[in-house]
Amino acid sequence: MVLDQGYWPDTLLAPPSDAALRADVEWIKRLGFNGVRKHQKIEAPRWLYWCDRLGLLVWEEMPNARNWSLDAEEALLAEWERAVARDVNHPSIVAWVPVVESFGFPALKRHASQQAFLERLVMRTRRLDPTRDVIDNDGWEHTNLTDICSIHDYSQPAEKLVARYTATQQTGQPPDKGWYKDKPLFLPGGGYRGQPIVLSEVGGFLMQPAGVPEAERDRLFDYYGNARTTAELWLRYRDLMEGIATLTALAGICYTQLIDVEHEQNGLLTYDRQPKFDPEHLAALHRTLFFERQD
């Protein structure tokens, strides 16, 4: 998969046209991905229509509040129920993601009621749609109910990322902690029970802005890898994917991200949808590493 935030330069979150929605889906397929994680956005139904028609797997993901309260919980639940009910008949959707990276639930590890609400979200989603997987809290701090063990990991370079999953390759067990601030992968009372393991955020190579001293760069540079030129970006991307392809214990990955967004200049396409390197080379790399392998 590839992560897609669904922004446009002139209209931001609002799709400028149906043709623009279709073009984004076509770009994802042209780049050699077979799935997309629509990040923190319930996208326009026409985008899902084009995913249905053109053949693209979708993780649908709810925007979350930044701060926790009982009112925020009830608003989230009500809006999420409407989103699932609206989109349940789109065959492109293969997974529901009500919460990401504990956004809006900052005390999950020590706040029993927040964890209970997360479990309530999962059970309510399953009641609305018992046919698809539900990822309770994408990235880390999973409950025992998640259908997929999704992990966010921006370790760089590929050698370092692969080393983090050496034990996973040997035992099939994911690491106890995530990449970010030692976040636990599972909450107290939960634990890994054999779910598919997906690195649902990896990569994120930022382009270094010309003429901006390192000390003045966005703090995203503290977390993501970076490249000075598109040629260097290609080498880093290829190295990462070749490393990930050796991790046969994984069920899938999601690269961050499809399109540059405001200060996050880490897309495979620029904000105005221009490829940073030959899309055919990218698609060929994906075919060779992930779709034509003989294990």
Foldseek 3Di string as FASTA:
>chain_A
DFEAQCQAPPPGNDDPDLVSLLVLVVLCVLLAAQEYEHPQDLHDVSSLVSCLVVHHAYEYEHHAAQAADPVSLVVLLVVLVVSCLVCVPRPNYAEYESAEPCRRNVPLQPDVVSVVSLVVSLVVSCVSPVPHFYASYAAAAGEQPHQEQEHAAADDQLVRVLVQCPVCLVPVAHDQAGHPPRGGRYHPVHGDDNHAYEHAEYALEAADDPPADPVRADCVVVRHHYDPALVRVVVRVLRNLQSVLVSVSHPYYYYYHAEQDVSSRRHCAYSNGHGRDDSNVSSVSCCVRPPPDDD
